[in-house]
Amino acid sequence: MKSSVQSLFPTPIYFSKLQRKFNAEEEKLINQLSKKVSKNRSNFSSTNTYVLEMKKLKKIKKELILRIQDYFENVLCYINVKPFITQSWLNYTKKNEYHHSHNHPNSIVSGIIYINANKKKDSITFLNEKFKQISPQIKKFNVWNSSTWTFPIETGDIILFPSDLVHMVKTKKENDVRTSLSFNIFIKGVVGTEKQLMELELK
């Protein structure tokens, strides 16, 4: 029997990689910021929630902006708008800690760059929280029938995804500290058009 399947309205999760190692100045600052943290529900985050505005992280921010522009221009294909980073903060997850499931309100796209992670041990999980009327048993999981999807991650990985997409980190079992830098993105410019009667200028 001949048939085909089309993916309708897929969710774009963008993967890239920092093409260098973190330098000594960056690592020193990230270590210093780990001394000033606040308790999240199940791990810790830096009290500074604008870390990418710090001069010593200027080079990292520049690298991230290149990926953000690529995502908006070549994946989302938006025109007449310019993305910019709003808040940014560091996450520290130790043994027996995890990051609860959550999304990012008041943001269009969110991202993460991993500062200390091992793909054999660390991962990020995305969740589909759309209500399912029935839940039959599944013999083989794929992108159409899965309610969760997990990606291994490592140091230097960069991920961008829609801010409304729920995500989490499973409990860490190893003794090292998983460290990541998260950030939110909004836009400036004009959305919609005057002719469509839905023009909105964002400054």
C-alpha atoms as a PDB file:
ATOM      1  CA  MET A   1       0.000   0.000   0.000  1.00  0.00           C
ATOM      2  CA  LYS A   2       1.446   3.361  -1.014  1.00  0.00           C
ATOM      3  CA  SER A   3       1.166   6.196   1.514  1.00  0.00           C
ATOM      4  CA  SER A   4       2.991   9.255   2.856  1.00  0.00           C
ATOM      5  CA  VAL A   5       3.127  11.313   6.047  1.00  0.00           C
ATOM      6  CA  GLN A   6       3.631  15.076   6.257  1.00  0.00           C
ATOM      7  CA  SER A   7       4.784  16.951   9.362  1.00  0.00           C
ATOM      8  CA  LEU A   8       2.423  19.849  10.037  1.00  0.00           C
ATOM      9  CA  PHE A   9       3.425  22.843  12.217  1.00  0.00           C
ATOM     10  CA  PRO A  10       6.694  21.346  13.555  1.00  0.00           C
ATOM     11  CA  THR A  11       8.559  22.972  16.463  1.00  0.00           C
ATOM     12  CA  PRO A  12      11.980  24.373  15.432  1.00  0.00           C
ATOM     13  CA  ILE A  13      14.715  23.557  17.942  1.00  0.00           C
ATOM     14  CA  TYR A  14      17.999  25.056  16.770  1.00  0.00           C
ATOM     15  CA  PHE A  15      21.371  23.472  17.591  1.00  0.00           C
ATOM     16  CA  SER A  16      24.771  25.074  17.190  1.00  0.00           C
ATOM     17  CA  LYS A  17      28.137  24.979  18.905  1.00  0.00           C
ATOM     18  CA  LEU A  18      30.633  27.492  20.220  1.00  0.00           C
ATOM     19  CA  GLN A  19      33.662  27.045  17.963  1.00  0.00           C
ATOM     20  CA  ARG A  20      36.179  27.647  20.740  1.00  0.00           C
ATOM     21  CA  LYS A  21      36.842  26.870  24.392  1.00  0.00           C
ATOM     22  CA  PHE A  22      35.754  29.228  27.133  1.00  0.00           C
ATOM     23  CA  ASN A  23      38.708  31.429  28.009  1.00  0.00           C
ATOM     24  CA  ALA A  24      40.229  31.806  31.486  1.00  0.00           C
ATOM     25  CA  GLU A  25      38.574  35.185  32.094  1.00  0.00           C
ATOM     26  CA  GLU A  26      35.114  33.806  31.265  1.00  0.00           C
ATOM     27  CA  GLU A  27      35.597  30.705  33.398  1.00  0.00           C
ATOM     28  CA  LYS A  28      36.827  32.780  36.348  1.00  0.00           C
ATOM     29  CA  LEU A  29      33.777  35.061  36.191  1.00  0.00           C
ATOM     30  CA  ILE A  30      31.347  32.134  35.903  1.00  0.00           C
ATOM     31  CA  ASN A  31      32.985  30.550  38.946  1.00  0.00           C
ATOM     32  CA  GLN A  32      32.707  33.842  40.875  1.00  0.00           C
ATOM     33  CA  LEU A  33      29.026  34.147  39.996  1.00  0.00           C
ATOM     34  CA  SER A  34      28.429  30.650  41.399  1.00  0.00           C
ATOM     35  CA  LYS A  35      29.074  32.144  44.850  1.00  0.00           C
ATOM     36  CA  LYS A  36      26.082  34.476  44.467  1.00  0.00           C
ATOM     37  CA  VAL A  37      23.094  32.297  43.722  1.00  0.00           C
ATOM     38  CA  SER A  38      19.475  31.895  44.722  1.00  0.00           C
ATOM     39  CA  LYS A  39      17.609  28.631  45.226  1.00  0.00           C
ATOM     40  CA  ASN A  40      15.476  27.579  42.316  1.00  0.00           C
ATOM     41  CA  ARG A  41      12.848  24.927  42.945  1.00  0.00           C
ATOM     42  CA  SER A  42      15.420  22.167  42.623  1.00  0.00           C
ATOM     43  CA  ASN A  43      18.799  23.700  41.680  1.00  0.00           C
ATOM     44  CA  PHE A  44      20.485  27.127  41.824  1.00  0.00           C
ATOM     45  CA  SER A  45      20.593  30.210  39.569  1.00  0.00           C
ATOM     46  CA  SER A  46      22.772  33.313  39.653  1.00  0.00           C
ATOM     47  CA  THR A  47      21.277  36.310  41.447  1.00  0.00           C
ATOM     48  CA  ASN A  48      22.529  38.392  38.518  1.00  0.00           C
ATOM     49  CA  THR A  49      19.900  37.932  35.801  1.00  0.00           C
ATOM     50  CA  TYR A  50      21.666  40.087  33.203  1.00  0.00           C
ATOM     51  CA  VAL A  51      25.004  38.265  33.054  1.00  0.00           C
ATOM     52  CA  LEU A  52      25.438  38.780  29.289  1.00  0.00           C
ATOM     53  CA  GLU A  53      25.652  42.533  29.941  1.00  0.00           C
ATOM     54  CA  MET A  54      28.887  41.966  31.837  1.00  0.00           C
ATOM     55  CA  LYS A  55      31.985  43.100  29.953  1.00  0.00           C
ATOM     56  CA  LYS A  56      33.849  39.819  30.464  1.00  0.00           C
ATOM     57  CA  LEU A  57      31.053  37.882  28.725  1.00  0.00           C
ATOM     58  CA  LYS A  58      30.896  40.279  25.762  1.00  0.00           C
ATOM     59  CA  LYS A  59      32.492  37.765  23.382  1.00  0.00           C
ATOM     60  CA  ILE A  60      30.024  35.039  24.318  1.00  0.00           C
ATOM     61  CA  LYS A  61      27.106  37.422  23.798  1.00  0.00           C
ATOM     62  CA  LYS A  62      28.429  38.300  20.335  1.00  0.00           C
ATOM     63  CA  GLU A  63      28.572  34.588  19.431  1.00  0.00           C
ATOM     64  CA  LEU A  64      25.024  34.047  20.674  1.00  0.00           C
ATOM     65  CA  ILE A  65      23.658  37.010  18.723  1.00  0.00           C
ATOM     66  CA  LEU A  66      25.026  35.496  15.494  1.00  0.00           C
ATOM     67  CA  ARG A  67      23.040  32.299  16.162  1.00  0.00           C
ATOM     68  CA  ILE A  68      19.933  34.249  17.168  1.00  0.00           C
ATOM     69  CA  GLN A  69      20.013  36.242  13.934  1.00  0.00           C
ATOM     70  CA  ASP A  70      20.434  33.036  11.930  1.00  0.00           C
ATOM     71  CA  TYR A  71      17.428  31.466  13.701  1.00  0.00           C
ATOM     72  CA  PHE A  72      15.164  34.465  13.160  1.00  0.00           C
ATOM     73  CA  GLU A  73      16.232  35.128   9.567  1.00  0.00           C
ATOM     74  CA  ASN A  74      16.641  31.605   8.161  1.00  0.00           C
ATOM     75  CA  VAL A  75      14.411  29.393  10.327  1.00  0.00           C
ATOM     76  CA  LEU A  76      11.538  31.659  11.365  1.00  0.00           C
ATOM     77  CA  CYS A  77      12.111  33.899   8.314  1.00  0.00           C
ATOM     78  CA  TYR A  78      10.811  37.010  10.098  1.00  0.00           C
ATOM     79  CA  ILE A  79      11.184  40.400   8.427  1.00  0.00           C
ATOM     80  CA  ASN A  80      11.083  43.989   9.739  1.00  0.00           C
ATOM     81  CA  VAL A  81      12.084  42.923  13.262  1.00  0.00           C
ATOM     82  CA  LYS A  82      15.347  42.725  15.180  1.00  0.00           C
ATOM     83  CA  PRO A  83      15.787  40.159  17.984  1.00  0.00           C
ATOM     84  CA  PHE A  84      17.558  41.144  21.187  1.00  0.00           C
ATOM     85  CA  ILE A  85      18.455  39.396  24.433  1.00  0.00           C
ATOM     86  CA  THR A  86      16.420  40.496  27.443  1.00  0.00           C
ATOM     87  CA  GLN A  87      17.452  38.597  30.586  1.00  0.00           C
ATOM     88  CA  SER A  88      20.313  36.113  30.975  1.00  0.00           C
ATOM     89  CA  TRP A  89      21.413  34.039  33.966  1.00  0.00           C
ATOM     90  CA  LEU A  90      23.527  31.071  35.007  1.00  0.00           C
ATOM     91  CA  ASN A  91      22.211  27.711  36.222  1.00  0.00           C
ATOM     92  CA  TYR A  92      24.169  25.377  38.497  1.00  0.00           C
ATOM     93  CA  THR A  93      22.958  21.800  38.982  1.00  0.00           C
ATOM     94  CA  LYS A  94      24.737  19.474  41.409  1.00  0.00           C
ATOM     95  CA  LYS A  95      24.319  15.808  42.255  1.00  0.00           C
ATOM     96  CA  ASN A  96      20.704  14.874  43.156  1.00  0.00           C
ATOM     97  CA  GLU A  97      19.431  18.220  41.810  1.00  0.00           C
ATOM     98  CA  TYR A  98      17.273  18.778  38.730  1.00  0.00           C
ATOM     99  CA  HIS A  99      15.532  21.581  36.866  1.00  0.00           C
ATOM    100  CA  HIS A 100      11.747  21.451  37.120  1.00  0.00           C
ATOM    101  CA  SER A 101       9.564  21.554  33.996  1.00  0.00           C
ATOM    102  CA  HIS A 102       8.861  25.144  32.930  1.00  0.00           C
ATOM    103  CA  ASN A 103       8.621  27.567  30.026  1.00  0.00           C
ATOM    104  CA  HIS A 104       9.555  31.254  29.648  1.00  0.00           C
ATOM    105  CA  PRO A 105       6.705  33.822  29.649  1.00  0.00           C
ATOM    106  CA  ASN A 106       7.211  37.343  28.227  1.00  0.00           C
ATOM    107  CA  SER A 107       9.699  36.008  25.685  1.00  0.00           C
ATOM    108  CA  ILE A 108       9.499  34.813  22.069  1.00  0.00           C
ATOM    109  CA  VAL A 109      12.563  32.571  21.848  1.00  0.00           C
ATOM    110  CA  SER A 110      14.758  31.227  24.636  1.00  0.00           C
ATOM    111  CA  GLY A 111      18.234  29.764  24.524  1.00  0.00           C
ATOM    112  CA  ILE A 112      20.932  27.953  26.442  1.00  0.00           C
ATOM    113  CA  ILE A 113      24.693  27.708  26.102  1.00  0.00           C
ATOM    114  CA  TYR A 114      26.337  24.901  28.065  1.00  0.00           C
ATOM    115  CA  ILE A 115      29.463  25.814  29.996  1.00  0.00           C
ATOM    116  CA  ASN A 116      30.055  22.486  31.735  1.00  0.00           C
ATOM    117  CA  ALA A 117      28.210  19.415  30.465  1.00  0.00           C
ATOM    118  CA  ASN A 118      28.972  15.882  29.299  1.00  0.00           C
ATOM    119  CA  LYS A 119      26.830  14.281  26.569  1.00  0.00           C
ATOM    120  CA  LYS A 120      27.238  10.853  28.191  1.00  0.00           C
ATOM    121  CA  LYS A 121      25.612  12.135  31.388  1.00  0.00           C
ATOM    122  CA  ASP A 122      23.739  15.380  30.665  1.00  0.00           C
ATOM    123  CA  SER A 123      20.660  16.145  28.590  1.00  0.00           C
ATOM    124  CA  ILE A 124      17.664  18.432  28.143  1.00  0.00           C
ATOM    125  CA  THR A 125      14.105  17.129  27.845  1.00  0.00           C
ATOM    126  CA  PHE A 126      11.280  18.879  25.987  1.00  0.00           C
ATOM    127  CA  LEU A 127       7.649  18.090  26.779  1.00  0.00           C
ATOM    128  CA  ASN A 128       4.477  18.153  24.721  1.00  0.00           C
ATOM    129  CA  GLU A 129       1.804  19.190  27.198  1.00  0.00           C
ATOM    130  CA  LYS A 130      -1.057  19.182  24.722  1.00  0.00           C
ATOM    131  CA  PHE A 131      -3.950  17.232  26.254  1.00  0.00           C
ATOM    132  CA  LYS A 132      -4.368  13.707  24.906  1.00  0.00           C
ATOM    133  CA  GLN A 133      -7.909  12.333  24.833  1.00  0.00           C
ATOM    134  CA  ILE A 134      -6.632   8.752  24.863  1.00  0.00           C
ATOM    135  CA  SER A 135      -3.214   7.230  25.540  1.00  0.00           C
ATOM    136  CA  PRO A 136      -2.729   3.822  23.888  1.00  0.00           C
ATOM    137  CA  GLN A 137       0.430   1.788  24.324  1.00  0.00           C
ATOM    138  CA  ILE A 138       3.110   2.526  21.736  1.00  0.00           C
ATOM    139  CA  LYS A 139       5.434  -0.061  20.188  1.00  0.00           C
ATOM    140  CA  LYS A 140       7.889   2.474  18.713  1.00  0.00           C
ATOM    141  CA  PHE A 141       8.215   6.141  19.630  1.00  0.00           C
ATOM    142  CA  ASN A 142       8.626   8.830  16.969  1.00  0.00           C
ATOM    143  CA  VAL A 143       8.078  12.592  16.552  1.00  0.00           C
ATOM    144  CA  TRP A 144       4.322  12.093  16.064  1.00  0.00           C
ATOM    145  CA  ASN A 145       3.475   9.976  19.093  1.00  0.00           C
ATOM    146  CA  SER A 146       5.990  11.069  21.758  1.00  0.00           C
ATOM    147  CA  SER A 147       5.084  13.296  24.697  1.00  0.00           C
ATOM    148  CA  THR A 148       8.743  13.912  25.633  1.00  0.00           C
ATOM    149  CA  TRP A 149      11.987  14.149  23.670  1.00  0.00           C
ATOM    150  CA  THR A 150      15.463  14.174  25.193  1.00  0.00           C
ATOM    151  CA  PHE A 151      18.676  15.493  23.625  1.00  0.00           C
ATOM    152  CA  PRO A 152      22.183  14.843  25.012  1.00  0.00           C
ATOM    153  CA  ILE A 153      24.203  18.026  25.491  1.00  0.00           C
ATOM    154  CA  GLU A 154      27.855  18.900  26.082  1.00  0.00           C
ATOM    155  CA  THR A 155      30.097  21.862  26.802  1.00  0.00           C
ATOM    156  CA  GLY A 156      29.851  24.504  24.076  1.00  0.00           C
ATOM    157  CA  ASP A 157      26.421  23.430  22.781  1.00  0.00           C
ATOM    158  CA  ILE A 158      23.947  26.212  21.984  1.00  0.00           C
ATOM    159  CA  ILE A 159      20.201  25.573  21.759  1.00  0.00           C
ATOM    160  CA  LEU A 160      17.416  27.971  20.721  1.00  0.00           C
ATOM    161  CA  PHE A 161      13.702  27.128  20.979  1.00  0.00           C
ATOM    162  CA  PRO A 162      10.256  28.767  21.244  1.00  0.00           C
ATOM    163  CA  SER A 163       9.813  30.184  24.745  1.00  0.00           C
ATOM    164  CA  ASP A 164       6.436  28.521  25.261  1.00  0.00           C
ATOM    165  CA  LEU A 165       7.961  25.047  24.829  1.00  0.00           C
ATOM    166  CA  VAL A 166       8.048  23.272  28.204  1.00  0.00           C
ATOM    167  CA  HIS A 167      11.436  21.802  29.109  1.00  0.00           C
ATOM    168  CA  MET A 168      13.240  20.262  32.079  1.00  0.00           C
ATOM    169  CA  VAL A 169      16.460  18.630  33.269  1.00  0.00           C
ATOM    170  CA  LYS A 170      16.398  15.209  34.889  1.00  0.00           C
ATOM    171  CA  THR A 171      18.018  14.549  38.262  1.00  0.00           C
ATOM    172  CA  LYS A 172      21.807  14.701  38.078  1.00  0.00           C
ATOM    173  CA  LYS A 173      23.498  11.547  39.353  1.00  0.00           C
ATOM    174  CA  GLU A 174      27.160  12.536  39.004  1.00  0.00           C
ATOM    175  CA  ASN A 175      29.357  14.562  41.373  1.00  0.00           C
ATOM    176  CA  ASP A 176      30.334  17.345  38.943  1.00  0.00           C
ATOM    177  CA  VAL A 177      28.357  20.576  38.531  1.00  0.00           C
ATOM    178  CA  ARG A 178      26.392  21.004  35.331  1.00  0.00           C
ATOM    179  CA  THR A 179      26.610  24.697  34.392  1.00  0.00           C
ATOM    180  CA  SER A 180      24.584  26.501  31.750  1.00  0.00           C
ATOM    181  CA  LEU A 181      23.767  30.062  30.738  1.00  0.00           C
ATOM    182  CA  SER A 182      20.133  30.669  29.816  1.00  0.00           C
ATOM    183  CA  PHE A 183      18.708  33.704  28.052  1.00  0.00           C
ATOM    184  CA  ASN A 184      15.446  35.104  26.687  1.00  0.00           C
ATOM    185  CA  ILE A 185      14.868  36.924  23.403  1.00  0.00           C
ATOM    186  CA  PHE A 186      12.282  39.484  22.303  1.00  0.00           C
ATOM    187  CA  ILE A 187      12.008  41.658  19.196  1.00  0.00           C
ATOM    188  CA  LYS A 188      12.038  45.308  18.126  1.00  0.00           C
ATOM    189  CA  GLY A 189      10.514  46.573  14.904  1.00  0.00           C
ATOM    190  CA  VAL A 190       7.162  46.293  13.173  1.00  0.00           C
ATOM    191  CA  VAL A 191       4.936  43.215  13.310  1.00  0.00           C
ATOM    192  CA  GLY A 192       1.910  42.869  11.048  1.00  0.00           C
ATOM    193  CA  THR A 193       0.954  45.448   8.441  1.00  0.00           C
ATOM    194  CA  GLU A 194      -1.247  48.521   8.307  1.00  0.00           C
ATOM    195  CA  LYS A 195      -3.278  46.979   5.467  1.00  0.00           C
ATOM    196  CA  GLN A 196      -4.074  43.914   7.581  1.00  0.00           C
ATOM    197  CA  LEU A 197      -5.242  46.216  10.404  1.00  0.00           C
ATOM    198  CA  MET A 198      -2.850  44.575  12.870  1.00  0.00           C
ATOM    199  CA  GLU A 199       0.286  46.682  12.611  1.00  0.00           C
ATOM    200  CA  LEU A 200       2.237  46.979  15.845  1.00  0.00           C
ATOM    201  CA  GLU A 201       5.502  48.843  16.347  1.00  0.00           C
ATOM    202  CA  LEU A 202       7.739  47.487  19.089  1.00  0.00           C
ATOM    203  CA  LYS A 203      10.471  49.895  20.223  1.00  0.00           C
END
